[in-house]
Amino acid sequence: MAQQIEGKVVSVDMEGNLVTDIAIDRLETAPHDKRLAIFCDEHETNGLHDTDHGQPAMTYIGMIGDGGFLQLSIVGESAHAMLGVQVGEKVVVKWP
């Protein structure tokens, strides 16, 4: 049975990352690989990365933010500006 957590974007940090209200400890039983799907607006990414992820520029990722909450980021760019996602937008995390 698939598992799902819902939250929302609560702020945008200085780098343009979308900070959610989904605490990382709520994802401790979730896989951090491509089986984890994160949906926000019409955008989707898979996996959960640390801040030292090493992903290439312009990659849309979900990551563990410094504050302990899920963040959505575009490497080297502002996810807020590039995706047009606003504070209050729904975020859904699913995994098998």
PDB file of N, CA and C in Angstrom:
ATOM      1  N   MET A   1       0.841  -1.182   0.000  1.00  0.00           N
ATOM      2  CA  MET A   1       0.000   0.000   0.000  1.00  0.00           C
ATOM      3  C   MET A   1       0.884   1.244   0.000  1.00  0.00           C
ATOM      4  N   ALA A   2       0.612   2.138  -0.915  1.00  0.00           N
ATOM      5  CA  ALA A   2       1.405   3.363  -1.022  1.00  0.00           C
ATOM      6  C   ALA A   2       1.169   4.267   0.187  1.00  0.00           C
ATOM      7  N   GLN A   3       2.208   4.988   0.521  1.00  0.00           N
ATOM      8  CA  GLN A   3       2.107   5.951   1.618  1.00  0.00           C
ATOM      9  C   GLN A   3       2.196   7.353   1.046  1.00  0.00           C
ATOM     10  N   GLN A   4       1.598   8.294   1.748  1.00  0.00           N
ATOM     11  CA  GLN A   4       1.547   9.665   1.243  1.00  0.00           C
ATOM     12  C   GLN A   4       1.548  10.650   2.404  1.00  0.00           C
ATOM     13  N   ILE A   5       2.264  11.743   2.214  1.00  0.00           N
ATOM     14  CA  ILE A   5       2.266  12.860   3.161  1.00  0.00           C
ATOM     15  C   ILE A   5       1.942  14.117   2.365  1.00  0.00           C
ATOM     16  N   GLU A   6       1.064  14.930   2.908  1.00  0.00           N
ATOM     17  CA  GLU A   6       0.721  16.189   2.256  1.00  0.00           C
ATOM     18  C   GLU A   6       1.153  17.356   3.127  1.00  0.00           C
ATOM     19  N   GLY A   7       1.576  18.399   2.474  1.00  0.00           N
ATOM     20  CA  GLY A   7       1.962  19.628   3.159  1.00  0.00           C
ATOM     21  C   GLY A   7       1.802  20.781   2.193  1.00  0.00           C
ATOM     22  N   LYS A   8       2.546  21.850   2.479  1.00  0.00           N
ATOM     23  CA  LYS A   8       2.482  23.011   1.589  1.00  0.00           C
ATOM     24  C   LYS A   8       3.791  23.789   1.668  1.00  0.00           C
ATOM     25  N   VAL A   9       3.979  24.634   0.686  1.00  0.00           N
ATOM     26  CA  VAL A   9       5.116  25.548   0.688  1.00  0.00           C
ATOM     27  C   VAL A   9       4.796  26.656   1.685  1.00  0.00           C
ATOM     28  N   VAL A  10       5.699  26.874   2.650  1.00  0.00           N
ATOM     29  CA  VAL A  10       5.449  27.885   3.675  1.00  0.00           C
ATOM     30  C   VAL A  10       6.340  29.116   3.538  1.00  0.00           C
ATOM     31  N   SER A  11       7.446  28.986   2.787  1.00  0.00           N
ATOM     32  CA  SER A  11       8.317  30.145   2.590  1.00  0.00           C
ATOM     33  C   SER A  11       9.280  29.884   1.435  1.00  0.00           C
ATOM     34  N   VAL A  12       9.955  30.945   1.045  1.00  0.00           N
ATOM     35  CA  VAL A  12      10.993  30.878   0.020  1.00  0.00           C
ATOM     36  C   VAL A  12      12.260  31.424   0.667  1.00  0.00           C
ATOM     37  N   ASP A  13      13.359  30.643   0.632  1.00  0.00           N
ATOM     38  CA  ASP A  13      14.588  31.106   1.281  1.00  0.00           C
ATOM     39  C   ASP A  13      15.367  32.059   0.368  1.00  0.00           C
ATOM     40  N   MET A  14      16.509  32.526   0.844  1.00  0.00           N
ATOM     41  CA  MET A  14      17.317  33.514   0.117  1.00  0.00           C
ATOM     42  C   MET A  14      17.770  33.024  -1.266  1.00  0.00           C
ATOM     43  N   GLU A  15      17.945  31.715  -1.428  1.00  0.00           N
ATOM     44  CA  GLU A  15      18.384  31.154  -2.705  1.00  0.00           C
ATOM     45  C   GLU A  15      17.216  30.833  -3.639  1.00  0.00           C
ATOM     46  N   GLY A  16      15.990  31.049  -3.179  1.00  0.00           N
ATOM     47  CA  GLY A  16      14.820  30.747  -3.990  1.00  0.00           C
ATOM     48  C   GLY A  16      14.301  29.332  -3.827  1.00  0.00           C
ATOM     49  N   ASN A  17      14.839  28.599  -2.828  1.00  0.00           N
ATOM     50  CA  ASN A  17      14.327  27.257  -2.541  1.00  0.00           C
ATOM     51  C   ASN A  17      12.943  27.365  -1.929  1.00  0.00           C
ATOM     52  N   LEU A  18      12.086  26.403  -2.242  1.00  0.00           N
ATOM     53  CA  LEU A  18      10.729  26.360  -1.704  1.00  0.00           C
ATOM     54  C   LEU A  18      10.754  25.526  -0.427  1.00  0.00           C
ATOM     55  N   VAL A  19      10.519  26.152   0.707  1.00  0.00           N
ATOM     56  CA  VAL A  19      10.564  25.478   2.003  1.00  0.00           C
ATOM     57  C   VAL A  19       9.149  25.014   2.345  1.00  0.00           C
ATOM     58  N   THR A  20       9.024  23.725   2.678  1.00  0.00           N
ATOM     59  CA  THR A  20       7.711  23.173   2.998  1.00  0.00           C
ATOM     60  C   THR A  20       7.532  23.032   4.512  1.00  0.00           C
ATOM     61  N   ASP A  21       6.323  22.647   4.896  1.00  0.00           N
ATOM     62  CA  ASP A  21       6.049  22.372   6.309  1.00  0.00           C
ATOM     63  C   ASP A  21       6.141  20.873   6.612  1.00  0.00           C
ATOM     64  N   ILE A  22       6.748  20.115   5.708  1.00  0.00           N
ATOM     65  CA  ILE A  22       6.914  18.670   5.907  1.00  0.00           C
ATOM     66  C   ILE A  22       8.243  18.423   6.604  1.00  0.00           C
ATOM     67  N   ALA A  23       8.162  18.084   7.891  1.00  0.00           N
ATOM     68  CA  ALA A  23       9.366  17.820   8.682  1.00  0.00           C
ATOM     69  C   ALA A  23      10.038  16.541   8.194  1.00  0.00           C
ATOM     70  N   ILE A  24      11.341  16.570   8.112  1.00  0.00           N
ATOM     71  CA  ILE A  24      12.113  15.429   7.623  1.00  0.00           C
ATOM     72  C   ILE A  24      11.860  14.179   8.466  1.00  0.00           C
ATOM     73  N   ASP A  25      11.622  14.326   9.759  1.00  0.00           N
ATOM     74  CA  ASP A  25      11.381  13.140  10.581  1.00  0.00           C
ATOM     75  C   ASP A  25      10.104  12.402  10.169  1.00  0.00           C
ATOM     76  N   ARG A  26       9.187  13.081   9.469  1.00  0.00           N
ATOM     77  CA  ARG A  26       7.989  12.415   8.940  1.00  0.00           C
ATOM     78  C   ARG A  26       8.332  11.509   7.761  1.00  0.00           C
ATOM     79  N   LEU A  27       9.528  11.676   7.199  1.00  0.00           N
ATOM     80  CA  LEU A  27       9.956  10.893   6.039  1.00  0.00           C
ATOM     81  C   LEU A  27      10.997   9.835   6.396  1.00  0.00           C
ATOM     82  N   GLU A  28      11.221   9.582   7.691  1.00  0.00           N
ATOM     83  CA  GLU A  28      12.295   8.668   8.069  1.00  0.00           C
ATOM     84  C   GLU A  28      12.047   7.232   7.619  1.00  0.00           C
ATOM     85  N   THR A  29      10.807   6.818   7.412  1.00  0.00           N
ATOM     86  CA  THR A  29      10.541   5.461   6.923  1.00  0.00           C
ATOM     87  C   THR A  29      10.440   5.407   5.403  1.00  0.00           C
ATOM     88  N   ALA A  30      10.511   6.551   4.766  1.00  0.00           N
ATOM     89  CA  ALA A  30      10.412   6.618   3.303  1.00  0.00           C
ATOM     90  C   ALA A  30      11.764   6.334   2.658  1.00  0.00           C
ATOM     91  N   PRO A  31      11.757   5.707   1.474  1.00  0.00           N
ATOM     92  CA  PRO A  31      13.017   5.550   0.756  1.00  0.00           C
ATOM     93  C   PRO A  31      13.499   6.917   0.274  1.00  0.00           C
ATOM     94  N   HIS A  32      14.800   7.104   0.193  1.00  0.00           N
ATOM     95  CA  HIS A  32      15.335   8.383  -0.286  1.00  0.00           C
ATOM     96  C   HIS A  32      15.756   8.304  -1.748  1.00  0.00           C
ATOM     97  N   ASP A  33      15.493   7.179  -2.389  1.00  0.00           N
ATOM     98  CA  ASP A  33      15.875   6.998  -3.786  1.00  0.00           C
ATOM     99  C   ASP A  33      14.721   7.368  -4.715  1.00  0.00           C
ATOM    100  N   LYS A  34      14.802   6.926  -5.973  1.00  0.00           N
ATOM    101  CA  LYS A  34      13.828   7.334  -6.990  1.00  0.00           C
ATOM    102  C   LYS A  34      12.411   6.817  -6.740  1.00  0.00           C
ATOM    103  N   ARG A  35      12.230   5.905  -5.795  1.00  0.00           N
ATOM    104  CA  ARG A  35      10.883   5.435  -5.463  1.00  0.00           C
ATOM    105  C   ARG A  35      10.059   6.518  -4.776  1.00  0.00           C
ATOM    106  N   LEU A  36      10.722   7.496  -4.175  1.00  0.00           N
ATOM    107  CA  LEU A  36      10.045   8.608  -3.509  1.00  0.00           C
ATOM    108  C   LEU A  36       9.709   9.667  -4.554  1.00  0.00           C
ATOM    109  N   ALA A  37       8.438  10.011  -4.672  1.00  0.00           N
ATOM    110  CA  ALA A  37       7.996  11.015  -5.640  1.00  0.00           C
ATOM    111  C   ALA A  37       7.467  12.234  -4.889  1.00  0.00           C
ATOM    112  N   ILE A  38       7.885  13.414  -5.335  1.00  0.00           N
ATOM    113  CA  ILE A  38       7.455  14.665  -4.715  1.00  0.00           C
ATOM    114  C   ILE A  38       6.750  15.496  -5.785  1.00  0.00           C
ATOM    115  N   PHE A  39       5.512  15.897  -5.494  1.00  0.00           N
ATOM    116  CA  PHE A  39       4.695  16.667  -6.420  1.00  0.00           C
ATOM    117  C   PHE A  39       4.403  18.044  -5.831  1.00  0.00           C
ATOM    118  N   CYS A  40       4.552  19.069  -6.650  1.00  0.00           N
ATOM    119  CA  CYS A  40       4.221  20.433  -6.249  1.00  0.00           C
ATOM    120  C   CYS A  40       3.763  21.170  -7.507  1.00  0.00           C
ATOM    121  N   ASP A  41       2.526  21.671  -7.474  1.00  0.00           N
ATOM    122  CA  ASP A  41       1.929  22.277  -8.655  1.00  0.00           C
ATOM    123  C   ASP A  41       1.957  21.203  -9.744  1.00  0.00           C
ATOM    124  N   GLU A  42       2.398  21.486 -10.951  1.00  0.00           N
ATOM    125  CA  GLU A  42       2.466  20.445 -11.983  1.00  0.00           C
ATOM    126  C   GLU A  42       3.854  19.833 -12.079  1.00  0.00           C
ATOM    127  N   HIS A  43       4.704  20.103 -11.101  1.00  0.00           N
ATOM    128  CA  HIS A  43       6.099  19.662 -11.132  1.00  0.00           C
ATOM    129  C   HIS A  43       6.298  18.417 -10.269  1.00  0.00           C
ATOM    130  N   GLU A  44       7.176  17.517 -10.742  1.00  0.00           N
ATOM    131  CA  GLU A  44       7.473  16.284 -10.023  1.00  0.00           C
ATOM    132  C   GLU A  44       8.975  16.049 -10.011  1.00  0.00           C
ATOM    133  N   THR A  45       9.479  15.540  -8.888  1.00  0.00           N
ATOM    134  CA  THR A  45      10.857  15.092  -8.789  1.00  0.00           C
ATOM    135  C   THR A  45      10.875  13.814  -7.975  1.00  0.00           C
ATOM    136  N   ASN A  46      11.959  13.074  -8.085  1.00  0.00           N
ATOM    137  CA  ASN A  46      12.078  11.811  -7.364  1.00  0.00           C
ATOM    138  C   ASN A  46      13.343  11.802  -6.528  1.00  0.00           C
ATOM    139  N   GLY A  47      13.233  11.207  -5.358  1.00  0.00           N
ATOM    140  CA  GLY A  47      14.363  11.088  -4.450  1.00  0.00           C
ATOM    141  C   GLY A  47      14.443  12.232  -3.473  1.00  0.00           C
ATOM    142  N   LEU A  48      15.244  12.020  -2.443  1.00  0.00           N
ATOM    143  CA  LEU A  48      15.467  13.017  -1.400  1.00  0.00           C
ATOM    144  C   LEU A  48      16.970  13.127  -1.189  1.00  0.00           C
ATOM    145  N   HIS A  49      17.494  14.322  -1.323  1.00  0.00           N
ATOM    146  CA  HIS A  49      18.936  14.550  -1.313  1.00  0.00           C
ATOM    147  C   HIS A  49      19.370  15.362  -0.099  1.00  0.00           C
ATOM    148  N   ASP A  50      20.629  15.193   0.299  1.00  0.00           N
ATOM    149  CA  ASP A  50      21.248  16.033   1.313  1.00  0.00           C
ATOM    150  C   ASP A  50      21.691  17.335   0.648  1.00  0.00           C
ATOM    151  N   THR A  51      22.088  18.328   1.446  1.00  0.00           N
ATOM    152  CA  THR A  51      22.522  19.603   0.882  1.00  0.00           C
ATOM    153  C   THR A  51      23.803  19.472   0.065  1.00  0.00           C
ATOM    154  N   ASP A  52      24.612  18.447   0.311  1.00  0.00           N
ATOM    155  CA  ASP A  52      25.840  18.228  -0.472  1.00  0.00           C
ATOM    156  C   ASP A  52      25.598  17.167  -1.554  1.00  0.00           C
ATOM    157  N   HIS A  53      24.494  17.285  -2.252  1.00  0.00           N
ATOM    158  CA  HIS A  53      23.993  16.284  -3.188  1.00  0.00           C
ATOM    159  C   HIS A  53      24.844  16.060  -4.431  1.00  0.00           C
ATOM    160  N   GLY A  54      25.529  17.079  -4.940  1.00  0.00           N
ATOM    161  CA  GLY A  54      26.345  16.923  -6.129  1.00  0.00           C
ATOM    162  C   GLY A  54      25.565  16.785  -7.425  1.00  0.00           C
ATOM    163  N   GLN A  55      24.293  17.131  -7.422  1.00  0.00           N
ATOM    164  CA  GLN A  55      23.475  17.056  -8.630  1.00  0.00           C
ATOM    165  C   GLN A  55      23.874  18.173  -9.600  1.00  0.00           C
ATOM    166  N   PRO A  56      23.716  17.943 -10.904  1.00  0.00           N
ATOM    167  CA  PRO A  56      24.112  18.959 -11.885  1.00  0.00           C
ATOM    168  C   PRO A  56      23.200  20.197 -11.856  1.00  0.00           C
ATOM    169  N   ALA A  57      23.743  21.294 -12.369  1.00  0.00           N
ATOM    170  CA  ALA A  57      22.994  22.551 -12.444  1.00  0.00           C
ATOM    171  C   ALA A  57      21.675  22.338 -13.183  1.00  0.00           C
ATOM    172  N   MET A  58      20.673  23.083 -12.763  1.00  0.00           N
ATOM    173  CA  MET A  58      19.334  23.095 -13.347  1.00  0.00           C
ATOM    174  C   MET A  58      18.533  21.830 -13.058  1.00  0.00           C
ATOM    175  N   THR A  59      18.989  20.980 -12.136  1.00  0.00           N
ATOM    176  CA  THR A  59      18.242  19.782 -11.759  1.00  0.00           C
ATOM    177  C   THR A  59      17.245  20.148 -10.664  1.00  0.00           C
ATOM    178  N   TYR A  60      16.001  19.731 -10.841  1.00  0.00           N
ATOM    179  CA  TYR A  60      14.944  19.956  -9.855  1.00  0.00           C
ATOM    180  C   TYR A  60      14.999  18.818  -8.844  1.00  0.00           C
ATOM    181  N   ILE A  61      15.206  19.149  -7.569  1.00  0.00           N
ATOM    182  CA  ILE A  61      15.375  18.117  -6.541  1.00  0.00           C
ATOM    183  C   ILE A  61      14.581  18.449  -5.282  1.00  0.00           C
ATOM    184  N   GLY A  62      14.290  17.397  -4.539  1.00  0.00           N
ATOM    185  CA  GLY A  62      13.810  17.522  -3.174  1.00  0.00           C
ATOM    186  C   GLY A  62      15.006  17.304  -2.276  1.00  0.00           C
ATOM    187  N   MET A  63      15.144  18.140  -1.256  1.00  0.00           N
ATOM    188  CA  MET A  63      16.313  17.972  -0.386  1.00  0.00           C
ATOM    189  C   MET A  63      15.972  18.230   1.067  1.00  0.00           C
ATOM    190  N   ILE A  64      16.838  17.717   1.912  1.00  0.00           N
ATOM    191  CA  ILE A  64      16.718  17.910   3.346  1.00  0.00           C
ATOM    192  C   ILE A  64      17.290  19.285   3.653  1.00  0.00           C
ATOM    193  N   GLY A  65      16.428  20.210   4.041  1.00  0.00           N
ATOM    194  CA  GLY A  65      16.862  21.568   4.324  1.00  0.00           C
ATOM    195  C   GLY A  65      17.555  21.687   5.660  1.00  0.00           C
ATOM    196  N   ASP A  66      18.343  22.740   5.816  1.00  0.00           N
ATOM    197  CA  ASP A  66      19.077  22.990   7.056  1.00  0.00           C
ATOM    198  C   ASP A  66      18.148  23.087   8.265  1.00  0.00           C
ATOM    199  N   GLY A  67      16.927  23.544   8.053  1.00  0.00           N
ATOM    200  CA  GLY A  67      15.973  23.696   9.153  1.00  0.00           C
ATOM    201  C   GLY A  67      15.223  22.431   9.505  1.00  0.00           C
ATOM    202  N   GLY A  68      15.524  21.312   8.812  1.00  0.00           N
ATOM    203  CA  GLY A  68      14.866  20.050   9.125  1.00  0.00           C
ATOM    204  C   GLY A  68      13.555  19.838   8.392  1.00  0.00           C
ATOM    205  N   PHE A  69      13.326  20.598   7.345  1.00  0.00           N
ATOM    206  CA  PHE A  69      12.107  20.460   6.557  1.00  0.00           C
ATOM    207  C   PHE A  69      12.455  20.185   5.096  1.00  0.00           C
ATOM    208  N   LEU A  70      11.544  19.523   4.405  1.00  0.00           N
ATOM    209  CA  LEU A  70      11.704  19.259   2.990  1.00  0.00           C
ATOM    210  C   LEU A  70      11.735  20.572   2.223  1.00  0.00           C
ATOM    211  N   GLN A  71      12.719  20.691   1.328  1.00  0.00           N
ATOM    212  CA  GLN A  71      12.813  21.849   0.443  1.00  0.00           C
ATOM    213  C   GLN A  71      12.826  21.366  -0.995  1.00  0.00           C
ATOM    214  N   LEU A  72      12.281  22.178  -1.873  1.00  0.00           N
ATOM    215  CA  LEU A  72      12.337  21.918  -3.302  1.00  0.00           C
ATOM    216  C   LEU A  72      13.264  22.947  -3.902  1.00  0.00           C
ATOM    217  N   SER A  73      14.191  22.470  -4.720  1.00  0.00           N
ATOM    218  CA  SER A  73      15.253  23.331  -5.210  1.00  0.00           C
ATOM    219  C   SER A  73      15.550  23.042  -6.678  1.00  0.00           C
ATOM    220  N   ILE A  74      16.017  24.046  -7.383  1.00  0.00           N
ATOM    221  CA  ILE A  74      16.624  23.854  -8.695  1.00  0.00           C
ATOM    222  C   ILE A  74      18.088  24.231  -8.512  1.00  0.00           C
ATOM    223  N   VAL A  75      18.966  23.277  -8.742  1.00  0.00           N
ATOM    224  CA  VAL A  75      20.393  23.470  -8.474  1.00  0.00           C
ATOM    225  C   VAL A  75      20.919  24.678  -9.252  1.00  0.00           C
ATOM    226  N   GLY A  76      21.446  25.655  -8.505  1.00  0.00           N
ATOM    227  CA  GLY A  76      22.051  26.838  -9.097  1.00  0.00           C
ATOM    228  C   GLY A  76      21.081  27.909  -9.542  1.00  0.00           C
ATOM    229  N   GLU A  77      19.794  27.698  -9.338  1.00  0.00           N
ATOM    230  CA  GLU A  77      18.777  28.665  -9.747  1.00  0.00           C
ATOM    231  C   GLU A  77      17.725  28.799  -8.660  1.00  0.00           C
ATOM    232  N   SER A  78      16.845  29.760  -8.829  1.00  0.00           N
ATOM    233  CA  SER A  78      15.725  29.953  -7.915  1.00  0.00           C
ATOM    234  C   SER A  78      14.551  29.093  -8.360  1.00  0.00           C
ATOM    235  N   ALA A  79      14.188  28.104  -7.536  1.00  0.00           N
ATOM    236  CA  ALA A  79      13.014  27.275  -7.848  1.00  0.00           C
ATOM    237  C   ALA A  79      11.761  28.142  -7.861  1.00  0.00           C
ATOM    238  N   HIS A  80      11.712  29.112  -6.978  1.00  0.00           N
ATOM    239  CA  HIS A  80      10.563  30.018  -6.900  1.00  0.00           C
ATOM    240  C   HIS A  80      10.372  30.757  -8.223  1.00  0.00           C
ATOM    241  N   ALA A  81      11.441  31.323  -8.760  1.00  0.00           N
ATOM    242  CA  ALA A  81      11.363  32.081 -10.017  1.00  0.00           C
ATOM    243  C   ALA A  81      11.169  31.156 -11.222  1.00  0.00           C
ATOM    244  N   MET A  82      11.883  30.044 -11.269  1.00  0.00           N
ATOM    245  CA  MET A  82      11.833  29.156 -12.429  1.00  0.00           C
ATOM    246  C   MET A  82      10.512  28.393 -12.551  1.00  0.00           C
ATOM    247  N   LEU A  83       9.948  27.987 -11.412  1.00  0.00           N
ATOM    248  CA  LEU A  83       8.732  27.177 -11.435  1.00  0.00           C
ATOM    249  C   LEU A  83       7.460  27.994 -11.256  1.00  0.00           C
ATOM    250  N   GLY A  84       7.596  29.200 -10.708  1.00  0.00           N
ATOM    251  CA  GLY A  84       6.428  30.025 -10.474  1.00  0.00           C
ATOM    252  C   GLY A  84       5.561  29.551  -9.324  1.00  0.00           C
ATOM    253  N   VAL A  85       6.101  28.701  -8.461  1.00  0.00           N
ATOM    254  CA  VAL A  85       5.355  28.173  -7.325  1.00  0.00           C
ATOM    255  C   VAL A  85       5.317  29.225  -6.220  1.00  0.00           C
ATOM    256  N   GLN A  86       4.155  29.425  -5.649  1.00  0.00           N
ATOM    257  CA  GLN A  86       3.955  30.431  -4.612  1.00  0.00           C
ATOM    258  C   GLN A  86       3.799  29.785  -3.238  1.00  0.00           C
ATOM    259  N   VAL A  87       4.003  30.579  -2.194  1.00  0.00           N
ATOM    260  CA  VAL A  87       3.743  30.144  -0.819  1.00  0.00           C
ATOM    261  C   VAL A  87       2.277  29.730  -0.734  1.00  0.00           C
ATOM    262  N   GLY A  88       2.034  28.608  -0.090  1.00  0.00           N
ATOM    263  CA  GLY A  88       0.686  28.076   0.046  1.00  0.00           C
ATOM    264  C   GLY A  88       0.382  26.924  -0.904  1.00  0.00           C
ATOM    265  N   GLU A  89       1.243  26.726  -1.909  1.00  0.00           N
ATOM    266  CA  GLU A  89       1.019  25.644  -2.882  1.00  0.00           C
ATOM    267  C   GLU A  89       1.131  24.285  -2.191  1.00  0.00           C
ATOM    268  N   LYS A  90       0.260  23.376  -2.547  1.00  0.00           N
ATOM    269  CA  LYS A  90       0.236  22.023  -1.989  1.00  0.00           C
ATOM    270  C   LYS A  90       1.462  21.230  -2.440  1.00  0.00           C
ATOM    271  N   VAL A  91       1.998  20.415  -1.519  1.00  0.00           N
ATOM    272  CA  VAL A  91       3.115  19.506  -1.795  1.00  0.00           C
ATOM    273  C   VAL A  91       2.673  18.111  -1.351  1.00  0.00           C
ATOM    274  N   VAL A  92       2.875  17.123  -2.219  1.00  0.00           N
ATOM    275  CA  VAL A  92       2.520  15.747  -1.894  1.00  0.00           C
ATOM    276  C   VAL A  92       3.756  14.879  -2.090  1.00  0.00           C
ATOM    277  N   VAL A  93       4.053  14.051  -1.086  1.00  0.00           N
ATOM    278  CA  VAL A  93       5.169  13.105  -1.150  1.00  0.00           C
ATOM    279  C   VAL A  93       4.564  11.711  -1.098  1.00  0.00           C
ATOM    280  N   LYS A  94       4.938  10.855  -2.072  1.00  0.00           N
ATOM    281  CA  LYS A  94       4.397   9.485  -2.143  1.00  0.00           C
ATOM    282  C   LYS A  94       5.534   8.487  -2.301  1.00  0.00           C
ATOM    283  N   TRP A  95       5.321   7.307  -1.742  1.00  0.00           N
ATOM    284  CA  TRP A  95       6.261   6.202  -1.943  1.00  0.00           C
ATOM    285  C   TRP A  95       5.529   4.877  -1.763  1.00  0.00           C
ATOM    286  N   PRO A  96       6.091   3.815  -2.361  1.00  0.00           N
ATOM    287  CA  PRO A  96       5.424   2.500  -2.271  1.00  0.00           C
ATOM    288  C   PRO A  96       5.544   1.902  -0.879  1.00  0.00           C
TER     289      PRO A  96
END
